[in-house]
Amino acid sequence: MPTATLKINHVGISVPDLDAAVAWYTEHLGFRQLKPNVLHKRDESIDRNKDKNFFRIHPEPVREVKVAYLAAGNGIGFELFEFLDPKHQVSPGFGPDMFTRTGCYHIAVTTEDPVALCEKLVGVGATQIGDPARLANGDVVLYLRDPCGVILELCS
């Protein structure tokens, strides 16, 4: 079996309200903001290098985006994007197809007490999905949906 050499650098998430998402992830999950939010605006008449580079990897129709750069406790980057032009599309509510839809399924975070953290997060806008499960090794896991619609797995 080949040795894994690549490391996860960061995760990028689209959110409907950047400021609210930054507040939620920093206040309730303890992520830290690495630098102030950045506004990227496509404007061919202005030579703004940071925007030119940003839009090289975000082609049309993307014209305006706010971005926040956070990090989890283990240093993994967590980028949040609020698409302003075109506007963010609201994700569908949670349903059975969320389990079988292709693409990113969930983001897992480790905590000493997943049940207690879940109760706290539900009190500030998250929605619990299913019930906690105790794995054969004794770890507890459970799912919830954050206020932005992202599925989080809480693991001990």
Protein backbone atom coordinates (compact mmCIF):
# COMPACT_ATOMS: atom_id res chain seq x y z
CA MET A 1 0.00 0.00 0.00
CA PRO A 2 1.48 3.40 -0.95
CA THR A 3 2.38 5.86 1.78
CA ALA A 4 0.16 8.93 2.00
CA THR A 5 2.25 11.99 1.25
CA LEU A 6 -0.35 14.68 0.62
CA LYS A 7 -1.79 16.66 3.51
CA ILE A 8 -5.14 18.42 3.75
CA ASN A 9 -4.33 22.12 3.40
CA HIS A 10 -7.78 23.64 3.92
CA VAL A 11 -11.50 23.26 3.36
CA GLY A 12 -13.58 25.88 1.53
CA ILE A 13 -17.25 26.41 2.40
CA SER A 14 -19.86 28.66 0.76
CA VAL A 15 -22.02 30.50 3.30
CA PRO A 16 -24.99 32.88 2.97
CA ASP A 17 -23.68 35.45 5.50
CA LEU A 18 -19.92 35.63 6.01
CA ASP A 19 -19.94 37.74 9.16
CA ALA A 20 -22.50 35.49 10.87
CA ALA A 21 -20.59 32.35 9.83
CA VAL A 22 -17.26 33.73 11.08
CA ALA A 23 -18.88 34.63 14.40
CA TRP A 24 -20.49 31.18 14.73
CA TYR A 25 -17.33 29.19 13.94
CA THR A 26 -15.05 31.34 16.10
CA GLU A 27 -17.38 31.75 19.09
CA HIS A 28 -18.85 28.26 19.21
CA LEU A 29 -16.20 25.97 17.72
CA GLY A 30 -13.14 27.93 18.76
CA PHE A 31 -11.75 28.36 15.24
CA ARG A 32 -9.47 31.37 14.97
CA GLN A 33 -9.60 34.01 12.28
CA LEU A 34 -6.20 34.32 10.60
CA LYS A 35 -6.66 37.75 9.01
CA PRO A 36 -9.42 40.27 8.31
CA ASN A 37 -12.10 39.36 5.76
CA VAL A 38 -11.18 40.08 2.15
CA LEU A 39 -13.50 41.44 -0.54
CA HIS A 40 -12.63 40.36 -4.09
CA LYS A 41 -14.33 42.33 -6.86
CA ARG A 42 -13.83 41.72 -10.57
CA ASP A 43 -13.08 45.04 -12.27
CA GLU A 44 -11.15 44.91 -15.52
CA SER A 45 -10.44 48.67 -15.36
CA ILE A 46 -8.49 48.39 -12.10
CA ASP A 47 -5.22 46.49 -11.77
CA ARG A 48 -5.71 44.96 -8.32
CA ASN A 49 -3.26 42.07 -8.20
CA LYS A 50 -4.99 40.19 -5.35
CA ASP A 51 -8.26 40.28 -7.28
CA LYS A 52 -6.65 39.32 -10.60
CA ASN A 53 -5.10 36.22 -9.03
CA PHE A 54 -8.31 35.34 -7.19
CA PHE A 55 -10.35 35.50 -10.39
CA ARG A 56 -7.87 33.36 -12.30
CA ILE A 57 -9.16 30.42 -10.26
CA HIS A 58 -12.72 31.78 -9.92
CA PRO A 59 -13.79 32.48 -13.54
CA GLU A 60 -16.96 34.19 -14.77
CA PRO A 61 -19.74 34.39 -13.71
CA VAL A 62 -18.12 35.03 -10.30
CA ARG A 63 -17.72 38.80 -9.96
CA GLU A 64 -17.72 39.59 -6.23
CA VAL A 65 -16.90 37.45 -3.19
CA LYS A 66 -16.14 38.04 0.49
CA VAL A 67 -13.70 35.53 1.99
CA ALA A 68 -12.69 34.73 5.58
CA TYR A 69 -9.64 32.69 6.50
CA LEU A 70 -9.99 30.62 9.68
CA ALA A 71 -8.08 27.72 11.20
CA ALA A 72 -9.21 24.81 13.33
CA GLY A 73 -7.39 23.85 16.53
CA ASN A 74 -5.03 21.53 14.64
CA GLY A 75 -4.13 24.21 12.09
CA ILE A 76 -6.20 22.94 9.16
CA GLY A 77 -7.42 25.95 7.17
CA PHE A 78 -11.13 26.69 6.95
CA GLU A 79 -12.09 29.22 4.26
CA LEU A 80 -15.56 30.72 4.18
CA PHE A 81 -16.92 32.29 0.98
CA GLU A 82 -19.95 34.58 0.66
CA PHE A 83 -20.73 34.94 -3.03
CA LEU A 84 -22.20 38.40 -3.65
CA ASP A 85 -22.33 38.46 -7.47
CA PRO A 86 -23.83 36.15 -8.43
CA LYS A 87 -25.71 35.75 -5.16
CA HIS A 88 -25.26 32.73 -2.93
CA GLN A 89 -27.73 29.94 -3.67
CA VAL A 90 -29.54 28.62 -0.62
CA SER A 91 -28.86 24.94 -0.03
CA PRO A 92 -31.84 22.61 0.23
CA GLY A 93 -33.02 21.59 3.66
CA PHE A 94 -31.72 18.38 5.15
CA GLY A 95 -33.44 15.29 3.79
CA PRO A 96 -32.69 11.63 3.07
CA ASP A 97 -30.92 12.56 -0.19
CA MET A 98 -28.22 14.37 1.82
CA PHE A 99 -26.81 10.95 2.70
CA THR A 100 -26.57 9.78 -0.90
CA ARG A 101 -25.80 12.98 -2.83
CA THR A 102 -22.38 13.06 -4.46
CA GLY A 103 -19.87 15.64 -3.24
CA CYS A 104 -18.76 16.85 0.14
CA TYR A 105 -20.81 15.02 2.76
CA HIS A 106 -19.62 16.39 6.10
CA ILE A 107 -16.74 17.92 8.00
CA ALA A 108 -15.66 16.14 11.18
CA VAL A 109 -14.30 17.88 14.26
CA THR A 110 -12.90 16.24 17.38
CA THR A 111 -14.13 17.18 20.84
CA GLU A 112 -13.94 15.55 24.27
CA ASP A 113 -17.73 15.45 24.65
CA PRO A 114 -19.67 15.40 21.35
CA VAL A 115 -23.05 15.22 23.09
CA ALA A 116 -22.39 18.29 25.26
CA LEU A 117 -21.01 20.26 22.30
CA CYS A 118 -24.02 19.25 20.20
CA GLU A 119 -26.41 20.49 22.89
CA LYS A 120 -24.52 23.80 23.02
CA LEU A 121 -24.54 24.17 19.23
CA VAL A 122 -28.24 23.32 18.95
CA GLY A 123 -28.82 26.16 21.42
CA VAL A 124 -27.12 28.58 19.01
CA GLY A 125 -28.76 27.59 15.74
CA ALA A 126 -27.55 24.11 14.73
CA THR A 127 -29.90 21.17 14.12
CA GLN A 128 -29.05 17.69 15.39
CA ILE A 129 -29.36 14.88 12.83
CA GLY A 130 -30.09 11.42 14.19
CA ASP A 131 -28.81 10.17 17.53
CA PRO A 132 -25.30 9.80 18.97
CA ALA A 133 -23.59 6.46 18.34
CA ARG A 134 -20.89 4.76 20.41
CA LEU A 135 -18.35 3.00 18.19
CA ALA A 136 -16.63 -0.30 19.04
CA ASN A 137 -13.54 1.60 20.26
CA GLY A 138 -15.69 3.66 22.65
CA ASP A 139 -15.67 6.89 20.62
CA VAL A 140 -18.95 8.79 20.37
CA VAL A 141 -20.02 10.35 17.06
CA LEU A 142 -23.03 12.34 15.94
CA TYR A 143 -24.13 14.65 13.12
CA LEU A 144 -25.60 18.11 13.10
CA ARG A 145 -26.31 20.81 10.54
CA ASP A 146 -24.84 24.24 11.26
CA PRO A 147 -26.84 27.45 10.63
CA CYS A 148 -25.23 27.74 7.15
CA GLY A 149 -26.37 24.25 6.14
CA VAL A 150 -22.99 22.51 6.53
CA ILE A 151 -23.15 19.00 7.99
CA LEU A 152 -20.70 18.58 10.88
CA GLU A 153 -19.73 15.31 12.52
CA LEU A 154 -18.73 15.66 16.16
CA CYS A 155 -16.29 12.92 17.22
CA SER A 156 -14.69 12.07 20.56
